[in-house]
C-alpha cells in the first residue's frame, strides 16, 4: 500500500517542480502505510490512507480546520492531535496546482 502513496507523492512533487521552487534538500520516502516528503531531513508533508497532510503555521492550521477544508491530523482514531498539521481527505479530487501553496508553505516551515 505504501508504494502507491510513494508514487502519488513523487508524481505530484515532480509535476509541481517543487525542487525548482525552494532551496531545500527534498526527499520522499515511504513509511508504514504511506509516504512522506522531507525537507532538509524534516517531514513537512505526507500522503497516506488518511489523506494529504501538511505541516503549516498554526494560524493557517486553525483557519483551515475552522473552515472545514481540512481536519486535524491523528495517526490513530483515538490518538492525540498532531499539532501544526492538517490533513485533506480525498486529495485526488483537487488539481495539483491547488496543493502547490500548501507544499511550499510546509517546506518553508523547515528552513
PDB file of N, CA and C in Angstrom:
ATOM      1  N   UNK A   1       0.818  -1.197   0.000  1.00  0.00           N
ATOM      2  CA  UNK A   1       0.000   0.000   0.000  1.00  0.00           C
ATOM      3  C   UNK A   1       0.859   1.256   0.000  1.00  0.00           C
ATOM      4  N   UNK A   2       1.939   1.257   0.769  1.00  0.00           N
ATOM      5  CA  UNK A   2       2.790   2.442   0.852  1.00  0.00           C
ATOM      6  C   UNK A   2       3.355   2.823  -0.510  1.00  0.00           C
ATOM      7  N   UNK A   3       3.591   1.829  -1.355  1.00  0.00           N
ATOM      8  CA  UNK A   3       4.163   2.101  -2.671  1.00  0.00           C
ATOM      9  C   UNK A   3       3.257   3.012  -3.496  1.00  0.00           C
ATOM     10  N   UNK A   4       1.955   2.789  -3.422  1.00  0.00           N
ATOM     11  CA  UNK A   4       1.018   3.627  -4.182  1.00  0.00           C
ATOM     12  C   UNK A   4       1.099   5.080  -3.729  1.00  0.00           C
ATOM     13  N   UNK A   5       1.211   5.303  -2.414  1.00  0.00           N
ATOM     14  CA  UNK A   5       1.302   6.673  -1.897  1.00  0.00           C
ATOM     15  C   UNK A   5       2.657   7.291  -2.212  1.00  0.00           C
ATOM     16  N   UNK A   6       3.688   6.487  -2.209  1.00  0.00           N
ATOM     17  CA  UNK A   6       5.017   6.966  -2.595  1.00  0.00           C
ATOM     18  C   UNK A   6       4.981   7.454  -4.040  1.00  0.00           C
ATOM     19  N   UNK A   7       4.369   6.673  -4.917  1.00  0.00           N
ATOM     20  CA  UNK A   7       4.271   7.054  -6.324  1.00  0.00           C
ATOM     21  C   UNK A   7       3.447   8.327  -6.499  1.00  0.00           C
ATOM     22  N   UNK A   8       2.339   8.441  -5.769  1.00  0.00           N
ATOM     23  CA  UNK A   8       1.500   9.638  -5.861  1.00  0.00           C
ATOM     24  C   UNK A   8       2.250  10.880  -5.404  1.00  0.00           C
ATOM     25  N   UNK A   9       2.962  10.752  -4.283  1.00  0.00           N
ATOM     26  CA  UNK A   9       3.694  11.904  -3.752  1.00  0.00           C
ATOM     27  C   UNK A   9       4.840  12.295  -4.676  1.00  0.00           C
ATOM     28  N   UNK A  10       5.532  11.312  -5.231  1.00  0.00           N
ATOM     29  CA  UNK A  10       6.607  11.610  -6.194  1.00  0.00           C
ATOM     30  C   UNK A  10       6.050  12.297  -7.434  1.00  0.00           C
ATOM     31  N   UNK A  11       4.932  11.794  -7.917  1.00  0.00           N
ATOM     32  CA  UNK A  11       4.322  12.347  -9.134  1.00  0.00           C
ATOM     33  C   UNK A  11       3.905  13.805  -8.938  1.00  0.00           C
ATOM     34  N   UNK A  12       3.256  14.103  -7.825  1.00  0.00           N
ATOM     35  CA  UNK A  12       2.812  15.479  -7.610  1.00  0.00           C
ATOM     36  C   UNK A  12       3.999  16.406  -7.359  1.00  0.00           C
ATOM     37  N   UNK A  13       5.003  15.925  -6.661  1.00  0.00           N
ATOM     38  CA  UNK A  13       6.204  16.729  -6.405  1.00  0.00           C
ATOM     39  C   UNK A  13       6.906  17.086  -7.718  1.00  0.00           C
ATOM     40  N   UNK A  14       7.010  16.117  -8.601  1.00  0.00           N
ATOM     41  CA  UNK A  14       7.635  16.355  -9.900  1.00  0.00           C
ATOM     42  C   UNK A  14       6.785  17.302 -10.749  1.00  0.00           C
ATOM     43  N   UNK A  15       5.483  17.082 -10.776  1.00  0.00           N
ATOM     44  CA  UNK A  15       4.594  17.917 -11.586  1.00  0.00           C
ATOM     45  C   UNK A  15       4.628  19.376 -11.137  1.00  0.00           C
ATOM     46  N   UNK A  16       4.750  19.594  -9.829  1.00  0.00           N
ATOM     47  CA  UNK A  16       4.777  20.957  -9.301  1.00  0.00           C
ATOM     48  C   UNK A  16       6.177  21.567  -9.322  1.00  0.00           C
ATOM     49  N   UNK A  17       7.157  20.757  -9.702  1.00  0.00           N
ATOM     50  CA  UNK A  17       8.559  21.194  -9.772  1.00  0.00           C
ATOM     51  C   UNK A  17       8.988  21.849  -8.460  1.00  0.00           C
ATOM     52  N   UNK A  18       8.673  21.191  -7.358  1.00  0.00           N
ATOM     53  CA  UNK A  18       8.978  21.738  -6.037  1.00  0.00           C
ATOM     54  C   UNK A  18      10.472  21.991  -5.839  1.00  0.00           C
ATOM     55  N   UNK A  19      11.300  21.125  -6.388  1.00  0.00           N
ATOM     56  CA  UNK A  19      12.751  21.302  -6.224  1.00  0.00           C
ATOM     57  C   UNK A  19      13.253  22.589  -6.868  1.00  0.00           C
ATOM     58  N   UNK A  20      12.536  23.085  -7.872  1.00  0.00           N
ATOM     59  CA  UNK A  20      12.917  24.339  -8.526  1.00  0.00           C
ATOM     60  C   UNK A  20      12.390  25.558  -7.788  1.00  0.00           C
ATOM     61  N   UNK A  21      11.480  25.344  -6.857  1.00  0.00           N
ATOM     62  CA  UNK A  21      10.814  26.431  -6.150  1.00  0.00           C
ATOM     63  C   UNK A  21      11.492  26.846  -4.852  1.00  0.00           C
ATOM     64  N   UNK A  22      12.235  25.937  -4.236  1.00  0.00           N
ATOM     65  CA  UNK A  22      12.812  26.198  -2.916  1.00  0.00           C
ATOM     66  C   UNK A  22      14.274  25.775  -2.867  1.00  0.00           C
ATOM     67  N   UNK A  23      14.990  26.377  -1.957  1.00  0.00           N
ATOM     68  CA  UNK A  23      16.377  25.982  -1.725  1.00  0.00           C
ATOM     69  C   UNK A  23      16.412  25.074  -0.508  1.00  0.00           C
ATOM     70  N   UNK A  24      15.969  23.848  -0.713  1.00  0.00           N
ATOM     71  CA  UNK A  24      15.930  22.859   0.355  1.00  0.00           C
ATOM     72  C   UNK A  24      16.250  21.497  -0.254  1.00  0.00           C
ATOM     73  N   UNK A  25      16.769  20.620   0.557  1.00  0.00           N
ATOM     74  CA  UNK A  25      17.028  19.259   0.129  1.00  0.00           C
ATOM     75  C   UNK A  25      15.743  18.461   0.320  1.00  0.00           C
ATOM     76  N   UNK A  26      15.071  18.126  -0.772  1.00  0.00           N
ATOM     77  CA  UNK A  26      13.803  17.416  -0.706  1.00  0.00           C
ATOM     78  C   UNK A  26      14.008  15.934  -0.981  1.00  0.00           C
ATOM     79  N   UNK A  27      13.308  15.116  -0.207  1.00  0.00           N
ATOM     80  CA  UNK A  27      13.403  13.670  -0.367  1.00  0.00           C
ATOM     81  C   UNK A  27      12.051  13.071  -0.022  1.00  0.00           C
ATOM     82  N   UNK A  28      11.653  12.043  -0.738  1.00  0.00           N
ATOM     83  CA  UNK A  28      10.395  11.364  -0.473  1.00  0.00           C
ATOM     84  C   UNK A  28      10.703   9.918  -0.125  1.00  0.00           C
ATOM     85  N   UNK A  29      10.143   9.472   1.006  1.00  0.00           N
ATOM     86  CA  UNK A  29      10.356   8.104   1.480  1.00  0.00           C
ATOM     87  C   UNK A  29       9.029   7.518   1.918  1.00  0.00           C
ATOM     88  N   UNK A  30       8.949   6.190   1.827  1.00  0.00           N
ATOM     89  CA  UNK A  30       7.727   5.537   2.300  1.00  0.00           C
ATOM     90  C   UNK A  30       7.819   5.302   3.801  1.00  0.00           C
ATOM     91  N   UNK A  31       6.678   5.194   4.432  1.00  0.00           N
ATOM     92  CA  UNK A  31       6.606   4.771   5.823  1.00  0.00           C
ATOM     93  C   UNK A  31       5.487   3.744   5.914  1.00  0.00           C
ATOM     94  N   UNK A  32       5.116   3.316   7.075  1.00  0.00           N
ATOM     95  CA  UNK A  32       4.205   2.187   7.265  1.00  0.00           C
ATOM     96  C   UNK A  32       3.101   2.079   6.227  1.00  0.00           C
ATOM     97  N   UNK A  33       2.230   3.042   6.155  1.00  0.00           N
ATOM     98  CA  UNK A  33       1.099   2.927   5.234  1.00  0.00           C
ATOM     99  C   UNK A  33       1.031   4.073   4.240  1.00  0.00           C
ATOM    100  N   UNK A  34       2.077   4.840   4.120  1.00  0.00           N
ATOM    101  CA  UNK A  34       2.059   5.975   3.214  1.00  0.00           C
ATOM    102  C   UNK A  34       3.450   6.423   2.830  1.00  0.00           C
ATOM    103  N   UNK A  35       3.553   7.705   2.494  1.00  0.00           N
ATOM    104  CA  UNK A  35       4.830   8.282   2.087  1.00  0.00           C
ATOM    105  C   UNK A  35       4.923   9.697   2.639  1.00  0.00           C
ATOM    106  N   UNK A  36       6.158  10.144   2.853  1.00  0.00           N
ATOM    107  CA  UNK A  36       6.371  11.476   3.416  1.00  0.00           C
ATOM    108  C   UNK A  36       7.378  12.250   2.587  1.00  0.00           C
ATOM    109  N   UNK A  37       7.155  13.551   2.507  1.00  0.00           N
ATOM    110  CA  UNK A  37       8.091  14.476   1.882  1.00  0.00           C
ATOM    111  C   UNK A  37       8.932  15.085   2.993  1.00  0.00           C
ATOM    112  N   UNK A  38      10.227  14.943   2.873  1.00  0.00           N
ATOM    113  CA  UNK A  38      11.163  15.510   3.837  1.00  0.00           C
ATOM    114  C   UNK A  38      11.834  16.720   3.213  1.00  0.00           C
ATOM    115  N   UNK A  39      11.940  17.763   3.975  1.00  0.00           N
ATOM    116  CA  UNK A  39      12.672  18.950   3.570  1.00  0.00           C
ATOM    117  C   UNK A  39      13.788  19.143   4.582  1.00  0.00           C
ATOM    118  N   UNK A  40      15.012  19.080   4.102  1.00  0.00           N
ATOM    119  CA  UNK A  40      16.178  19.173   4.989  1.00  0.00           C
ATOM    120  C   UNK A  40      16.092  18.164   6.128  1.00  0.00           C
ATOM    121  N   UNK A  41      15.599  16.962   5.820  1.00  0.00           N
ATOM    122  CA  UNK A  41      15.536  15.879   6.791  1.00  0.00           C
ATOM    123  C   UNK A  41      14.351  15.912   7.732  1.00  0.00           C
ATOM    124  N   UNK A  42      13.435  16.862   7.550  1.00  0.00           N
ATOM    125  CA  UNK A  42      12.276  17.006   8.431  1.00  0.00           C
ATOM    126  C   UNK A  42      10.999  16.763   7.627  1.00  0.00           C
ATOM    127  N   UNK A  43      10.102  15.942   8.159  1.00  0.00           N
ATOM    128  CA  UNK A  43       8.834  15.690   7.467  1.00  0.00           C
ATOM    129  C   UNK A  43       8.025  16.983   7.410  1.00  0.00           C
ATOM    130  N   UNK A  44       7.574  17.312   6.211  1.00  0.00           N
ATOM    131  CA  UNK A  44       6.740  18.506   6.059  1.00  0.00           C
ATOM    132  C   UNK A  44       5.401  18.200   5.398  1.00  0.00           C
ATOM    133  N   UNK A  45       5.289  17.036   4.775  1.00  0.00           N
ATOM    134  CA  UNK A  45       4.031  16.637   4.147  1.00  0.00           C
ATOM    135  C   UNK A  45       4.006  15.116   4.062  1.00  0.00           C
ATOM    136  N   UNK A  46       2.808  14.564   4.025  1.00  0.00           N
ATOM    137  CA  UNK A  46       2.685  13.117   3.865  1.00  0.00           C
ATOM    138  C   UNK A  46       1.383  12.791   3.149  1.00  0.00           C
ATOM    139  N   UNK A  47       1.375  11.616   2.524  1.00  0.00           N
ATOM    140  CA  UNK A  47       0.184  11.121   1.856  1.00  0.00           C
ATOM    141  C   UNK A  47      -0.024   9.689   2.317  1.00  0.00           C
ATOM    142  N   UNK A  48      -1.184   9.423   2.856  1.00  0.00           N
ATOM    143  CA  UNK A  48      -1.499   8.108   3.408  1.00  0.00           C
ATOM    144  C   UNK A  48      -2.992   7.850   3.235  1.00  0.00           C
ATOM    145  N   UNK A  49      -3.477   6.709   3.707  1.00  0.00           N
ATOM    146  CA  UNK A  49      -4.924   6.475   3.614  1.00  0.00           C
ATOM    147  C   UNK A  49      -5.754   7.564   4.297  1.00  0.00           C
ATOM    148  N   UNK A  50      -5.173   8.291   5.236  1.00  0.00           N
ATOM    149  CA  UNK A  50      -5.885   9.380   5.917  1.00  0.00           C
ATOM    150  C   UNK A  50      -6.087  10.583   5.017  1.00  0.00           C
ATOM    151  N   UNK A  51      -5.213  10.760   4.029  1.00  0.00           N
ATOM    152  CA  UNK A  51      -5.287  11.899   3.125  1.00  0.00           C
ATOM    153  C   UNK A  51      -3.926  12.538   2.941  1.00  0.00           C
ATOM    154  N   UNK A  52      -3.918  13.741   2.437  1.00  0.00           N
ATOM    155  CA  UNK A  52      -2.704  14.509   2.181  1.00  0.00           C
ATOM    156  C   UNK A  52      -2.521  15.494   3.330  1.00  0.00           C
ATOM    157  N   UNK A  53      -1.431  15.345   4.071  1.00  0.00           N
ATOM    158  CA  UNK A  53      -1.204  16.151   5.273  1.00  0.00           C
ATOM    159  C   UNK A  53      -0.028  17.096   5.067  1.00  0.00           C
ATOM    160  N   UNK A  54      -0.129  18.267   5.696  1.00  0.00           N
ATOM    161  CA  UNK A  54       0.919  19.287   5.610  1.00  0.00           C
ATOM    162  C   UNK A  54       1.223  19.855   6.980  1.00  0.00           C
ATOM    163  N   UNK A  55       2.493  20.156   7.224  1.00  0.00           N
ATOM    164  CA  UNK A  55       2.896  20.908   8.411  1.00  0.00           C
ATOM    165  C   UNK A  55       2.829  22.380   8.008  1.00  0.00           C
ATOM    166  N   UNK A  56       1.972  23.128   8.691  1.00  0.00           N
ATOM    167  CA  UNK A  56       1.735  24.526   8.326  1.00  0.00           C
ATOM    168  C   UNK A  56       1.796  25.402   9.569  1.00  0.00           C
ATOM    169  N   UNK A  57       1.925  26.714   9.378  1.00  0.00           N
ATOM    170  CA  UNK A  57       1.877  27.626  10.532  1.00  0.00           C
ATOM    171  C   UNK A  57       0.554  27.454  11.281  1.00  0.00           C
ATOM    172  N   UNK A  58       0.597  27.494  12.597  1.00  0.00           N
ATOM    173  CA  UNK A  58      -0.592  27.226  13.413  1.00  0.00           C
ATOM    174  C   UNK A  58      -1.790  28.110  13.056  1.00  0.00           C
ATOM    175  N   UNK A  59      -1.602  29.414  12.766  1.00  0.00           N
ATOM    176  CA  UNK A  59      -2.779  30.208  12.380  1.00  0.00           C
ATOM    177  C   UNK A  59      -3.460  29.664  11.112  1.00  0.00           C
ATOM    178  N   UNK A  60      -2.665  29.186  10.169  1.00  0.00           N
ATOM    179  CA  UNK A  60      -3.235  28.618   8.946  1.00  0.00           C
ATOM    180  C   UNK A  60      -3.932  27.285   9.240  1.00  0.00           C
ATOM    181  N   UNK A  61      -3.336  26.484  10.115  1.00  0.00           N
ATOM    182  CA  UNK A  61      -3.958  25.230  10.541  1.00  0.00           C
ATOM    183  C   UNK A  61      -5.328  25.521  11.146  1.00  0.00           C
ATOM    184  N   UNK A  62      -5.375  26.457  12.071  1.00  0.00           N
ATOM    185  CA  UNK A  62      -6.630  26.805  12.738  1.00  0.00           C
ATOM    186  C   UNK A  62      -7.688  27.268  11.737  1.00  0.00           C
ATOM    187  N   UNK A  63      -7.275  28.084  10.778  1.00  0.00           N
ATOM    188  CA  UNK A  63      -8.202  28.620   9.775  1.00  0.00           C
ATOM    189  C   UNK A  63      -8.761  27.510   8.889  1.00  0.00           C
ATOM    190  N   UNK A  64      -7.900  26.595   8.441  1.00  0.00           N
ATOM    191  CA  UNK A  64      -8.341  25.504   7.571  1.00  0.00           C
ATOM    192  C   UNK A  64      -9.297  24.560   8.297  1.00  0.00           C
ATOM    193  N   UNK A  65      -9.012  24.288   9.558  1.00  0.00           N
ATOM    194  CA  UNK A  65      -9.879  23.403  10.333  1.00  0.00           C
ATOM    195  C   UNK A  65     -11.216  24.087  10.604  1.00  0.00           C
ATOM    196  N   UNK A  66     -11.167  25.361  10.993  1.00  0.00           N
ATOM    197  CA  UNK A  66     -12.406  26.102  11.283  1.00  0.00           C
ATOM    198  C   UNK A  66     -13.299  26.218  10.048  1.00  0.00           C
ATOM    199  N   UNK A  67     -12.687  26.332   8.879  1.00  0.00           N
ATOM    200  CA  UNK A  67     -13.459  26.473   7.642  1.00  0.00           C
ATOM    201  C   UNK A  67     -14.016  25.141   7.152  1.00  0.00           C
ATOM    202  N   UNK A  68     -13.524  24.046   7.709  1.00  0.00           N
ATOM    203  CA  UNK A  68     -13.965  22.721   7.275  1.00  0.00           C
ATOM    204  C   UNK A  68     -13.233  22.202   6.053  1.00  0.00           C
ATOM    205  N   UNK A  69     -12.239  22.934   5.574  1.00  0.00           N
ATOM    206  CA  UNK A  69     -11.477  22.493   4.403  1.00  0.00           C
ATOM    207  C   UNK A  69     -10.537  21.338   4.740  1.00  0.00           C
ATOM    208  N   UNK A  70     -10.107  21.274   5.991  1.00  0.00           N
ATOM    209  CA  UNK A  70      -9.170  20.237   6.422  1.00  0.00           C
ATOM    210  C   UNK A  70      -9.548  19.829   7.837  1.00  0.00           C
ATOM    211  N   UNK A  71      -8.911  18.770   8.310  1.00  0.00           N
ATOM    212  CA  UNK A  71      -9.145  18.333   9.678  1.00  0.00           C
ATOM    213  C   UNK A  71      -7.804  18.133  10.374  1.00  0.00           C
ATOM    214  N   UNK A  72      -7.861  17.978  11.664  1.00  0.00           N
ATOM    215  CA  UNK A  72      -6.656  17.731  12.445  1.00  0.00           C
ATOM    216  C   UNK A  72      -6.060  16.389  12.045  1.00  0.00           C
ATOM    217  N   UNK A  73      -4.745  16.289  12.132  1.00  0.00           N
ATOM    218  CA  UNK A  73      -4.065  15.038  11.819  1.00  0.00           C
ATOM    219  C   UNK A  73      -3.941  14.208  13.085  1.00  0.00           C
ATOM    220  N   UNK A  74      -4.422  12.993  13.001  1.00  0.00           N
ATOM    221  CA  UNK A  74      -4.277  11.989  14.060  1.00  0.00           C
ATOM    222  C   UNK A  74      -3.775  10.726  13.374  1.00  0.00           C
ATOM    223  N   UNK A  75      -2.784  10.094  13.957  1.00  0.00           N
ATOM    224  CA  UNK A  75      -2.285   8.859  13.364  1.00  0.00           C
ATOM    225  C   UNK A  75      -3.192   7.675  13.669  1.00  0.00           C
ATOM    226  N   UNK A  76      -3.936   7.768  14.768  1.00  0.00           N
ATOM    227  CA  UNK A  76      -4.871   6.719  15.161  1.00  0.00           C
ATOM    228  C   UNK A  76      -6.183   7.378  15.557  1.00  0.00           C
ATOM    229  N   UNK A  77      -7.287   6.679  15.422  1.00  0.00           N
ATOM    230  CA  UNK A  77      -8.601   7.251  15.713  1.00  0.00           C
ATOM    231  C   UNK A  77      -8.667   7.935  17.076  1.00  0.00           C
ATOM    232  N   UNK A  78      -8.130   7.309  18.088  1.00  0.00           N
ATOM    233  CA  UNK A  78      -8.174   7.882  19.429  1.00  0.00           C
ATOM    234  C   UNK A  78      -6.838   8.483  19.848  1.00  0.00           C
ATOM    235  N   UNK A  79      -5.952   8.657  18.881  1.00  0.00           N
ATOM    236  CA  UNK A  79      -4.636   9.230  19.171  1.00  0.00           C
ATOM    237  C   UNK A  79      -4.704  10.734  19.363  1.00  0.00           C
ATOM    238  N   UNK A  80      -3.592  11.296  19.813  1.00  0.00           N
ATOM    239  CA  UNK A  80      -3.542  12.740  20.031  1.00  0.00           C
ATOM    240  C   UNK A  80      -3.442  13.483  18.699  1.00  0.00           C
ATOM    241  N   UNK A  81      -3.866  14.713  18.715  1.00  0.00           N
ATOM    242  CA  UNK A  81      -3.792  15.565  17.528  1.00  0.00           C
ATOM    243  C   UNK A  81      -2.336  15.970  17.328  1.00  0.00           C
ATOM    244  N   UNK A  82      -1.865  15.832  16.106  1.00  0.00           N
ATOM    245  CA  UNK A  82      -0.508  16.235  15.756  1.00  0.00           C
ATOM    246  C   UNK A  82      -0.545  17.742  15.493  1.00  0.00           C
ATOM    247  N   UNK A  83      -0.044  18.509  16.448  1.00  0.00           N
ATOM    248  CA  UNK A  83      -0.106  19.970  16.343  1.00  0.00           C
ATOM    249  C   UNK A  83       0.720  20.474  15.163  1.00  0.00           C
ATOM    250  N   UNK A  84       0.171  21.497  14.518  1.00  0.00           N
ATOM    251  CA  UNK A  84       0.861  22.103  13.382  1.00  0.00           C
ATOM    252  C   UNK A  84       0.623  21.383  12.066  1.00  0.00           C
ATOM    253  N   UNK A  85      -0.245  20.394  12.077  1.00  0.00           N
ATOM    254  CA  UNK A  85      -0.538  19.639  10.858  1.00  0.00           C
ATOM    255  C   UNK A  85      -2.025  19.646  10.561  1.00  0.00           C
ATOM    256  N   UNK A  86      -2.348  19.623   9.277  1.00  0.00           N
ATOM    257  CA  UNK A  86      -3.718  19.407   8.823  1.00  0.00           C
ATOM    258  C   UNK A  86      -3.696  18.308   7.772  1.00  0.00           C
ATOM    259  N   UNK A  87      -4.828  17.666   7.618  1.00  0.00           N
ATOM    260  CA  UNK A  87      -4.947  16.634   6.597  1.00  0.00           C
ATOM    261  C   UNK A  87      -6.178  16.935   5.746  1.00  0.00           C
ATOM    262  N   UNK A  88      -5.994  16.787   4.447  1.00  0.00           N
ATOM    263  CA  UNK A  88      -7.066  16.968   3.484  1.00  0.00           C
ATOM    264  C   UNK A  88      -7.496  15.583   3.006  1.00  0.00           C
ATOM    265  N   UNK A  89      -8.754  15.273   3.187  1.00  0.00           N
ATOM    266  CA  UNK A  89      -9.273  13.994   2.718  1.00  0.00           C
ATOM    267  C   UNK A  89      -9.532  14.079   1.223  1.00  0.00           C
ATOM    268  N   UNK A  90      -9.414  12.966   0.547  1.00  0.00           N
ATOM    269  CA  UNK A  90      -9.686  12.874  -0.885  1.00  0.00           C
ATOM    270  C   UNK A  90      -8.888  13.891  -1.704  1.00  0.00           C
ATOM    271  N   UNK A  91      -7.564  13.894  -1.561  1.00  0.00           N
ATOM    272  CA  UNK A  91      -6.739  14.892  -2.251  1.00  0.00           C
ATOM    273  C   UNK A  91      -6.760  14.793  -3.772  1.00  0.00           C
ATOM    274  N   UNK A  92      -7.111  13.638  -4.297  1.00  0.00           N
ATOM    275  CA  UNK A  92      -7.116  13.491  -5.750  1.00  0.00           C
ATOM    276  C   UNK A  92      -8.297  14.199  -6.411  1.00  0.00           C
ATOM    277  N   UNK A  93      -9.230  14.691  -5.599  1.00  0.00           N
ATOM    278  CA  UNK A  93     -10.373  15.422  -6.140  1.00  0.00           C
ATOM    279  C   UNK A  93      -9.989  16.839  -6.563  1.00  0.00           C
ATOM    280  N   UNK A  94      -8.842  17.323  -6.107  1.00  0.00           N
ATOM    281  CA  UNK A  94      -8.379  18.676  -6.449  1.00  0.00           C
ATOM    282  C   UNK A  94      -7.230  18.594  -7.452  1.00  0.00           C
ATOM    283  N   UNK A  95      -6.959  19.704  -8.101  1.00  0.00           N
ATOM    284  CA  UNK A  95      -5.852  19.741  -9.055  1.00  0.00           C
ATOM    285  C   UNK A  95      -4.524  19.839  -8.317  1.00  0.00           C
ATOM    286  N   UNK A  96      -3.469  19.451  -8.979  1.00  0.00           N
ATOM    287  CA  UNK A  96      -2.128  19.534  -8.393  1.00  0.00           C
ATOM    288  C   UNK A  96      -1.796  20.972  -7.993  1.00  0.00           C
ATOM    289  N   UNK A  97      -2.210  21.916  -8.808  1.00  0.00           N
ATOM    290  CA  UNK A  97      -1.903  23.312  -8.535  1.00  0.00           C
ATOM    291  C   UNK A  97      -2.536  23.794  -7.227  1.00  0.00           C
ATOM    292  N   UNK A  98      -3.667  23.195  -6.872  1.00  0.00           N
ATOM    293  CA  UNK A  98      -4.319  23.538  -5.609  1.00  0.00           C
ATOM    294  C   UNK A  98      -3.379  23.291  -4.438  1.00  0.00           C
ATOM    295  N   UNK A  99      -2.579  22.250  -4.548  1.00  0.00           N
ATOM    296  CA  UNK A  99      -1.707  21.838  -3.441  1.00  0.00           C
ATOM    297  C   UNK A  99      -0.390  22.587  -3.399  1.00  0.00           C
ATOM    298  N   UNK A 100      -0.017  23.277  -4.448  1.00  0.00           N
ATOM    299  CA  UNK A 100       1.307  23.897  -4.511  1.00  0.00           C
ATOM    300  C   UNK A 100       1.563  24.854  -3.348  1.00  0.00           C
ATOM    301  N   UNK A 101       0.620  25.720  -3.022  1.00  0.00           N
ATOM    302  CA  UNK A 101       0.851  26.677  -1.940  1.00  0.00           C
ATOM    303  C   UNK A 101       1.038  25.967  -0.607  1.00  0.00           C
ATOM    304  N   UNK A 102       0.328  24.862  -0.398  1.00  0.00           N
ATOM    305  CA  UNK A 102       0.489  24.124   0.851  1.00  0.00           C
ATOM    306  C   UNK A 102       1.845  23.423   0.926  1.00  0.00           C
ATOM    307  N   UNK A 103       2.267  22.835  -0.200  1.00  0.00           N
ATOM    308  CA  UNK A 103       3.599  22.226  -0.218  1.00  0.00           C
ATOM    309  C   UNK A 103       4.676  23.265   0.073  1.00  0.00           C
ATOM    310  N   UNK A 104       4.592  24.403  -0.598  1.00  0.00           N
ATOM    311  CA  UNK A 104       5.616  25.432  -0.402  1.00  0.00           C
ATOM    312  C   UNK A 104       5.603  25.988   1.032  1.00  0.00           C
ATOM    313  N   UNK A 105       4.425  26.161   1.573  1.00  0.00           N
ATOM    314  CA  UNK A 105       4.320  26.632   2.959  1.00  0.00           C
ATOM    315  C   UNK A 105       4.894  25.580   3.920  1.00  0.00           C
ATOM    316  N   UNK A 106       4.599  24.320   3.679  1.00  0.00           N
ATOM    317  CA  UNK A 106       5.110  23.250   4.538  1.00  0.00           C
ATOM    318  C   UNK A 106       6.630  23.155   4.450  1.00  0.00           C
ATOM    319  N   UNK A 107       7.170  23.291   3.258  1.00  0.00           N
ATOM    320  CA  UNK A 107       8.627  23.230   3.088  1.00  0.00           C
ATOM    321  C   UNK A 107       9.294  24.386   3.809  1.00  0.00           C
ATOM    322  N   UNK A 108       8.718  25.563   3.715  1.00  0.00           N
ATOM    323  CA  UNK A 108       9.341  26.722   4.377  1.00  0.00           C
ATOM    324  C   UNK A 108       9.342  26.585   5.902  1.00  0.00           C
ATOM    325  N   UNK A 109       8.480  25.736   6.441  1.00  0.00           N
ATOM    326  CA  UNK A 109       8.482  25.502   7.897  1.00  0.00           C
ATOM    327  C   UNK A 109       9.774  24.824   8.356  1.00  0.00           C
ATOM    328  N   UNK A 110      10.511  24.221   7.407  1.00  0.00           N
ATOM    329  CA  UNK A 110      11.738  23.520   7.765  1.00  0.00           C
ATOM    330  C   UNK A 110      12.992  24.371   7.547  1.00  0.00           C
ATOM    331  N   UNK A 111      12.834  25.528   6.949  1.00  0.00           N
ATOM    332  CA  UNK A 111      14.005  26.366   6.616  1.00  0.00           C
ATOM    333  C   UNK A 111      14.430  27.230   7.784  1.00  0.00           C
TER     334      UNK A 111
END
